């Protein structure tokens, strides 16, 4: 897939940026976190579209057993071990994604609370 040249560096070192008031700095930080969260979300959407965890694990398990739930007679021990390792790897990957999403959600909730606090302070200042 062809890529175009970058137009410029959109991330500037923090020492080059002018000093912002605290409430604007919080909003700037919140925007940066949202952009990063959006990038992560799009990356995970792309990755998860290639892997449907439940279907893939179920298909792997289905290969190990026949219709009555008995082990298949044609599978070697190596194949069974390989299927088990693949299922364990899939589960570990899904758990890692879940952990990352939970930590991202915690950060986003903290940012949301901080932004709401700033908005409440601004409203009270405007009303006074």
N, C-alpha and C. Protein backbone atom coordinates (compact mmCIF):
# COMPACT_ATOMS: atom_id res chain seq x y z
N UNK A 1 0.85 -1.17 0.00
CA UNK A 1 0.00 0.00 0.00
C UNK A 1 0.89 1.23 0.00
N UNK A 2 0.71 2.13 -0.96
CA UNK A 2 1.58 3.31 -1.00
C UNK A 2 1.24 4.25 0.15
N UNK A 3 2.27 4.89 0.63
CA UNK A 3 2.07 5.87 1.70
C UNK A 3 2.55 7.22 1.21
N UNK A 4 1.93 8.25 1.71
CA UNK A 4 2.34 9.60 1.33
C UNK A 4 3.34 10.12 2.35
N UNK A 5 4.09 11.11 1.95
CA UNK A 5 5.04 11.73 2.87
C UNK A 5 4.27 12.49 3.93
N UNK A 6 4.83 12.53 5.13
CA UNK A 6 4.20 13.28 6.21
C UNK A 6 4.30 14.78 5.92
N UNK A 7 3.25 15.49 6.30
CA UNK A 7 3.21 16.92 6.07
C UNK A 7 4.08 17.66 7.08
N UNK A 8 4.23 17.09 8.24
CA UNK A 8 5.05 17.74 9.27
C UNK A 8 4.93 17.00 10.57
N UNK A 9 5.73 17.42 11.51
CA UNK A 9 5.72 16.80 12.82
C UNK A 9 4.66 17.50 13.68
N UNK A 10 3.59 16.77 14.02
CA UNK A 10 2.52 17.42 14.76
C UNK A 10 2.77 17.40 16.26
N UNK A 11 3.72 16.60 16.72
CA UNK A 11 4.01 16.61 18.14
C UNK A 11 5.21 17.51 18.39
N UNK A 12 5.01 18.48 19.23
CA UNK A 12 6.08 19.44 19.52
C UNK A 12 6.62 19.16 20.92
N UNK A 13 7.90 19.35 21.13
CA UNK A 13 8.43 19.18 22.49
C UNK A 13 7.75 20.16 23.44
N UNK A 14 7.55 19.72 24.68
CA UNK A 14 6.78 20.54 25.62
C UNK A 14 7.48 21.85 25.95
N UNK A 15 8.82 21.93 25.81
CA UNK A 15 9.50 23.18 26.13
C UNK A 15 9.27 24.24 25.04
N UNK A 16 8.80 23.83 23.85
CA UNK A 16 8.53 24.78 22.77
C UNK A 16 7.13 25.37 22.88
N UNK A 17 6.25 24.74 23.67
CA UNK A 17 4.88 25.20 23.78
C UNK A 17 4.79 26.32 24.80
N UNK A 18 3.92 27.28 24.56
CA UNK A 18 3.75 28.34 25.56
C UNK A 18 3.10 27.77 26.82
N UNK A 19 3.37 28.39 27.94
CA UNK A 19 2.79 27.94 29.20
C UNK A 19 1.29 28.19 29.18
N UNK A 20 0.53 27.18 29.50
CA UNK A 20 -0.93 27.29 29.48
C UNK A 20 -1.45 27.40 30.90
N UNK A 21 -2.58 28.06 31.07
CA UNK A 21 -3.23 28.04 32.38
C UNK A 21 -3.60 26.60 32.75
N UNK A 22 -3.72 26.30 34.03
CA UNK A 22 -3.96 24.90 34.43
C UNK A 22 -5.19 24.27 33.79
N UNK A 23 -6.30 25.02 33.69
CA UNK A 23 -7.50 24.41 33.12
C UNK A 23 -7.32 24.12 31.63
N UNK A 24 -6.59 24.96 30.92
CA UNK A 24 -6.32 24.68 29.50
C UNK A 24 -5.33 23.54 29.34
N UNK A 25 -4.38 23.43 30.26
CA UNK A 25 -3.42 22.32 30.21
C UNK A 25 -4.14 20.98 30.42
N UNK A 26 -5.12 20.99 31.33
CA UNK A 26 -5.90 19.77 31.56
C UNK A 26 -6.67 19.40 30.29
N UNK A 27 -7.25 20.38 29.65
CA UNK A 27 -7.99 20.11 28.41
C UNK A 27 -7.06 19.63 27.30
N UNK A 28 -5.86 20.22 27.22
CA UNK A 28 -4.88 19.79 26.21
C UNK A 28 -4.46 18.34 26.46
N UNK A 29 -4.17 18.04 27.73
CA UNK A 29 -3.79 16.66 28.07
C UNK A 29 -4.92 15.70 27.77
N UNK A 30 -6.16 16.12 28.05
CA UNK A 30 -7.31 15.28 27.77
C UNK A 30 -7.42 15.01 26.27
N UNK A 31 -7.21 16.04 25.47
CA UNK A 31 -7.27 15.86 24.02
C UNK A 31 -6.19 14.90 23.54
N UNK A 32 -4.99 15.03 24.08
CA UNK A 32 -3.92 14.10 23.69
C UNK A 32 -4.28 12.67 24.05
N UNK A 33 -4.86 12.47 25.24
CA UNK A 33 -5.26 11.12 25.65
C UNK A 33 -6.37 10.59 24.76
N UNK A 34 -7.31 11.46 24.38
CA UNK A 34 -8.39 11.00 23.51
C UNK A 34 -7.87 10.59 22.14
N UNK A 35 -6.93 11.35 21.61
CA UNK A 35 -6.35 11.00 20.31
C UNK A 35 -5.63 9.66 20.41
N UNK A 36 -4.86 9.49 21.48
CA UNK A 36 -4.15 8.22 21.67
C UNK A 36 -5.14 7.07 21.85
N UNK A 37 -6.20 7.29 22.62
CA UNK A 37 -7.21 6.26 22.82
C UNK A 37 -7.90 5.92 21.50
N UNK A 38 -8.13 6.92 20.67
CA UNK A 38 -8.74 6.68 19.37
C UNK A 38 -7.82 5.83 18.49
N UNK A 39 -6.53 6.14 18.53
CA UNK A 39 -5.58 5.34 17.75
C UNK A 39 -5.56 3.90 18.23
N UNK A 40 -5.55 3.72 19.54
CA UNK A 40 -5.54 2.36 20.11
C UNK A 40 -6.82 1.63 19.72
N UNK A 41 -7.96 2.35 19.81
CA UNK A 41 -9.24 1.73 19.47
C UNK A 41 -9.25 1.27 18.02
N UNK A 42 -8.76 2.11 17.10
CA UNK A 42 -8.73 1.74 15.68
C UNK A 42 -7.78 0.56 15.46
N UNK A 43 -6.65 0.57 16.15
CA UNK A 43 -5.71 -0.55 16.02
C UNK A 43 -6.35 -1.84 16.50
N UNK A 44 -7.02 -1.79 17.66
CA UNK A 44 -7.65 -2.99 18.19
C UNK A 44 -8.80 -3.45 17.29
N UNK A 45 -9.56 -2.51 16.75
CA UNK A 45 -10.63 -2.90 15.82
C UNK A 45 -10.06 -3.66 14.63
N UNK A 46 -8.93 -3.16 14.11
CA UNK A 46 -8.29 -3.82 12.98
C UNK A 46 -7.78 -5.21 13.37
N UNK A 47 -7.16 -5.29 14.55
CA UNK A 47 -6.62 -6.58 14.99
C UNK A 47 -7.74 -7.57 15.31
N UNK A 48 -8.79 -7.09 15.98
CA UNK A 48 -9.87 -7.99 16.36
C UNK A 48 -10.69 -8.45 15.17
N UNK A 49 -10.67 -7.68 14.09
CA UNK A 49 -11.39 -8.14 12.90
C UNK A 49 -10.72 -9.37 12.30
N UNK A 50 -9.43 -9.55 12.56
CA UNK A 50 -8.72 -10.73 12.05
C UNK A 50 -8.89 -11.93 12.97
N UNK A 51 -9.32 -11.68 14.19
CA UNK A 51 -9.41 -12.77 15.16
C UNK A 51 -10.75 -12.72 15.85
N UNK A 52 -11.53 -13.71 15.62
CA UNK A 52 -12.76 -13.84 16.38
C UNK A 52 -12.49 -14.92 17.40
N UNK A 53 -12.16 -14.49 18.60
CA UNK A 53 -11.65 -15.39 19.63
C UNK A 53 -12.54 -16.57 19.93
N UNK A 54 -13.80 -16.32 20.18
CA UNK A 54 -14.69 -17.42 20.56
C UNK A 54 -14.84 -18.44 19.44
N UNK A 55 -15.00 -17.96 18.21
CA UNK A 55 -15.17 -18.89 17.09
C UNK A 55 -13.91 -19.70 16.85
N UNK A 56 -12.77 -19.02 16.92
CA UNK A 56 -11.51 -19.72 16.66
C UNK A 56 -11.23 -20.77 17.73
N UNK A 57 -11.46 -20.42 18.98
CA UNK A 57 -11.24 -21.38 20.07
C UNK A 57 -12.22 -22.53 19.95
N UNK A 58 -13.48 -22.23 19.65
CA UNK A 58 -14.48 -23.29 19.51
C UNK A 58 -14.12 -24.21 18.35
N UNK A 59 -13.64 -23.65 17.24
CA UNK A 59 -13.26 -24.48 16.09
C UNK A 59 -12.07 -25.36 16.45
N UNK A 60 -11.12 -24.82 17.23
CA UNK A 60 -9.97 -25.63 17.64
C UNK A 60 -10.40 -26.78 18.53
N UNK A 61 -11.30 -26.50 19.45
CA UNK A 61 -11.78 -27.56 20.35
C UNK A 61 -12.60 -28.58 19.58
N UNK A 62 -13.40 -28.11 18.64
CA UNK A 62 -14.23 -29.02 17.85
C UNK A 62 -13.37 -30.02 17.08
N UNK A 63 -12.18 -29.59 16.64
CA UNK A 63 -11.30 -30.51 15.92
C UNK A 63 -10.80 -31.65 16.81
N UNK A 64 -10.73 -31.39 18.10
CA UNK A 64 -10.21 -32.40 19.03
C UNK A 64 -11.22 -33.49 19.34
N UNK A 65 -12.51 -33.22 19.17
CA UNK A 65 -13.54 -34.17 19.57
C UNK A 65 -14.49 -34.45 18.41
N UNK A 66 -15.12 -35.63 18.46
CA UNK A 66 -16.11 -35.94 17.45
C UNK A 66 -17.48 -35.43 17.92
N UNK A 67 -18.53 -35.77 17.21
CA UNK A 67 -19.86 -35.26 17.52
C UNK A 67 -20.39 -35.68 18.88
N UNK A 68 -19.92 -36.82 19.40
CA UNK A 68 -20.39 -37.30 20.69
C UNK A 68 -19.50 -36.85 21.85
N UNK A 69 -18.51 -36.03 21.58
CA UNK A 69 -17.65 -35.53 22.64
C UNK A 69 -16.48 -36.44 22.98
N UNK A 70 -16.26 -37.45 22.15
CA UNK A 70 -15.12 -38.35 22.38
C UNK A 70 -13.91 -37.83 21.64
N UNK A 71 -12.71 -38.10 22.16
CA UNK A 71 -11.50 -37.66 21.44
C UNK A 71 -11.43 -38.31 20.07
N UNK A 72 -10.92 -37.58 19.11
CA UNK A 72 -10.78 -38.10 17.75
C UNK A 72 -9.73 -39.20 17.73
N UNK A 73 -9.98 -40.20 16.93
CA UNK A 73 -9.05 -41.34 16.86
C UNK A 73 -7.84 -41.04 15.99
N UNK A 74 -7.92 -40.06 15.12
CA UNK A 74 -6.86 -39.80 14.15
C UNK A 74 -5.85 -38.75 14.61
N UNK A 75 -6.06 -38.09 15.74
CA UNK A 75 -5.16 -37.05 16.19
C UNK A 75 -3.99 -37.64 16.97
N UNK A 76 -2.80 -37.15 16.64
CA UNK A 76 -1.63 -37.58 17.39
C UNK A 76 -1.49 -36.72 18.64
N UNK A 77 -0.65 -37.15 19.55
CA UNK A 77 -0.43 -36.39 20.78
C UNK A 77 0.19 -35.03 20.46
N UNK A 78 1.05 -34.96 19.44
CA UNK A 78 1.66 -33.69 19.06
C UNK A 78 0.60 -32.68 18.61
N UNK A 79 -0.38 -33.16 17.84
CA UNK A 79 -1.44 -32.27 17.37
C UNK A 79 -2.29 -31.77 18.53
N UNK A 80 -2.58 -32.65 19.47
CA UNK A 80 -3.37 -32.26 20.64
C UNK A 80 -2.62 -31.21 21.45
N UNK A 81 -1.32 -31.42 21.67
CA UNK A 81 -0.51 -30.45 22.41
C UNK A 81 -0.46 -29.12 21.66
N UNK A 82 -0.32 -29.17 20.36
CA UNK A 82 -0.28 -27.95 19.55
C UNK A 82 -1.61 -27.18 19.65
N UNK A 83 -2.74 -27.89 19.59
CA UNK A 83 -4.04 -27.24 19.73
C UNK A 83 -4.18 -26.61 21.12
N UNK A 84 -3.75 -27.33 22.16
CA UNK A 84 -3.83 -26.80 23.52
C UNK A 84 -2.99 -25.54 23.65
N UNK A 85 -1.78 -25.56 23.11
CA UNK A 85 -0.91 -24.38 23.19
C UNK A 85 -1.52 -23.20 22.43
N UNK A 86 -2.12 -23.49 21.29
CA UNK A 86 -2.75 -22.41 20.51
C UNK A 86 -3.91 -21.81 21.28
N UNK A 87 -4.73 -22.64 21.91
CA UNK A 87 -5.86 -22.13 22.68
C UNK A 87 -5.36 -21.32 23.87
N UNK A 88 -4.34 -21.79 24.55
CA UNK A 88 -3.78 -21.04 25.68
C UNK A 88 -3.22 -19.70 25.23
N UNK A 89 -2.56 -19.68 24.08
CA UNK A 89 -2.02 -18.43 23.55
C UNK A 89 -3.14 -17.45 23.21
N UNK A 90 -4.21 -17.95 22.59
CA UNK A 90 -5.36 -17.10 22.27
C UNK A 90 -5.99 -16.52 23.53
N UNK A 91 -6.11 -17.33 24.56
CA UNK A 91 -6.69 -16.85 25.82
C UNK A 91 -5.79 -15.80 26.46
N UNK A 92 -4.49 -16.02 26.45
CA UNK A 92 -3.57 -15.04 27.02
C UNK A 92 -3.63 -13.72 26.24
N UNK A 93 -3.74 -13.80 24.92
CA UNK A 93 -3.82 -12.59 24.11
C UNK A 93 -5.09 -11.82 24.43
N UNK A 94 -6.23 -12.53 24.54
CA UNK A 94 -7.49 -11.87 24.86
C UNK A 94 -7.45 -11.26 26.25
N UNK A 95 -6.81 -11.93 27.21
CA UNK A 95 -6.68 -11.38 28.56
C UNK A 95 -5.82 -10.12 28.55
N UNK A 96 -4.76 -10.11 27.74
CA UNK A 96 -3.91 -8.92 27.64
C UNK A 96 -4.67 -7.74 27.05
N UNK A 97 -5.47 -8.01 26.02
CA UNK A 97 -6.29 -6.95 25.42
C UNK A 97 -7.29 -6.43 26.44
N UNK A 98 -7.90 -7.32 27.20
CA UNK A 98 -8.86 -6.91 28.23
C UNK A 98 -8.19 -6.05 29.29
N UNK A 99 -6.99 -6.43 29.72
CA UNK A 99 -6.26 -5.64 30.71
C UNK A 99 -5.95 -4.25 30.19
N UNK A 100 -5.49 -4.16 28.95
CA UNK A 100 -5.18 -2.86 28.36
C UNK A 100 -6.43 -1.99 28.24
N UNK A 101 -7.52 -2.59 27.81
CA UNK A 101 -8.75 -1.82 27.68
C UNK A 101 -9.24 -1.32 29.04
N UNK A 102 -9.11 -2.16 30.08
CA UNK A 102 -9.53 -1.72 31.42
C UNK A 102 -8.66 -0.58 31.92
N UNK A 103 -7.35 -0.63 31.67
CA UNK A 103 -6.48 0.46 32.12
C UNK A 103 -6.77 1.73 31.34
N UNK A 104 -7.03 1.60 30.03
CA UNK A 104 -7.40 2.77 29.23
C UNK A 104 -8.71 3.37 29.73
N UNK A 105 -9.66 2.51 30.07
CA UNK A 105 -10.94 3.00 30.58
C UNK A 105 -10.75 3.74 31.90
N UNK A 106 -9.89 3.26 32.77
CA UNK A 106 -9.63 3.94 34.04
C UNK A 106 -9.04 5.33 33.80
N UNK A 107 -8.10 5.42 32.87
CA UNK A 107 -7.48 6.72 32.56
C UNK A 107 -8.52 7.66 31.97
N UNK A 108 -9.34 7.17 31.07
CA UNK A 108 -10.35 8.02 30.45
C UNK A 108 -11.37 8.49 31.48
N UNK A 109 -11.74 7.62 32.43
CA UNK A 109 -12.66 8.04 33.49
C UNK A 109 -12.05 9.13 34.35
N UNK A 110 -10.76 9.00 34.67
CA UNK A 110 -10.09 10.04 35.46
C UNK A 110 -10.07 11.36 34.69
N UNK A 111 -9.78 11.30 33.40
CA UNK A 111 -9.76 12.52 32.59
C UNK A 111 -11.15 13.14 32.50
N UNK A 112 -12.14 12.30 32.37
CA UNK A 112 -13.51 12.80 32.29
C UNK A 112 -13.89 13.49 33.60
N UNK A 113 -13.54 12.88 34.73
CA UNK A 113 -13.83 13.50 36.02
C UNK A 113 -13.11 14.83 36.17
N UNK A 114 -11.85 14.88 35.76
CA UNK A 114 -11.09 16.12 35.86
C UNK A 114 -11.70 17.20 34.96
N UNK A 115 -12.09 16.82 33.76
CA UNK A 115 -12.69 17.80 32.84
C UNK A 115 -14.02 18.30 33.38
N UNK A 116 -14.81 17.43 33.99
CA UNK A 116 -16.08 17.85 34.58
C UNK A 116 -15.84 18.78 35.77
N UNK A 117 -14.82 18.50 36.57
CA UNK A 117 -14.47 19.38 37.68
C UNK A 117 -14.09 20.77 37.17
N UNK A 118 -13.28 20.81 36.12
CA UNK A 118 -12.88 22.10 35.54
C UNK A 118 -14.10 22.83 35.01
N UNK A 119 -15.01 22.12 34.36
CA UNK A 119 -16.21 22.76 33.82
C UNK A 119 -17.08 23.30 34.95
N UNK A 120 -17.20 22.57 36.06
CA UNK A 120 -17.97 23.06 37.20
C UNK A 120 -17.34 24.31 37.79
N UNK A 121 -16.04 24.33 37.91
CA UNK A 121 -15.34 25.50 38.44
C UNK A 121 -15.56 26.71 37.54
N UNK A 122 -15.47 26.49 36.23
CA UNK A 122 -15.68 27.59 35.29
C UNK A 122 -17.10 28.12 35.38
N UNK A 123 -18.09 27.23 35.53
CA UNK A 123 -19.48 27.66 35.65
C UNK A 123 -19.69 28.50 36.91
N UNK A 124 -19.10 28.04 38.02
CA UNK A 124 -19.27 28.80 39.26
C UNK A 124 -18.59 30.16 39.17
N UNK A 125 -17.44 30.22 38.50
CA UNK A 125 -16.74 31.50 38.33
C UNK A 125 -17.55 32.46 37.45
N UNK A 126 -18.19 31.91 36.44
CA UNK A 126 -19.00 32.73 35.53
C UNK A 126 -20.25 33.26 36.24
N UNK A 127 -20.82 32.45 37.12
CA UNK A 127 -22.03 32.84 37.83
C UNK A 127 -21.77 33.86 38.93
N UNK A 128 -20.56 33.90 39.44
CA UNK A 128 -20.26 34.84 40.53
C UNK A 128 -20.03 36.24 40.08
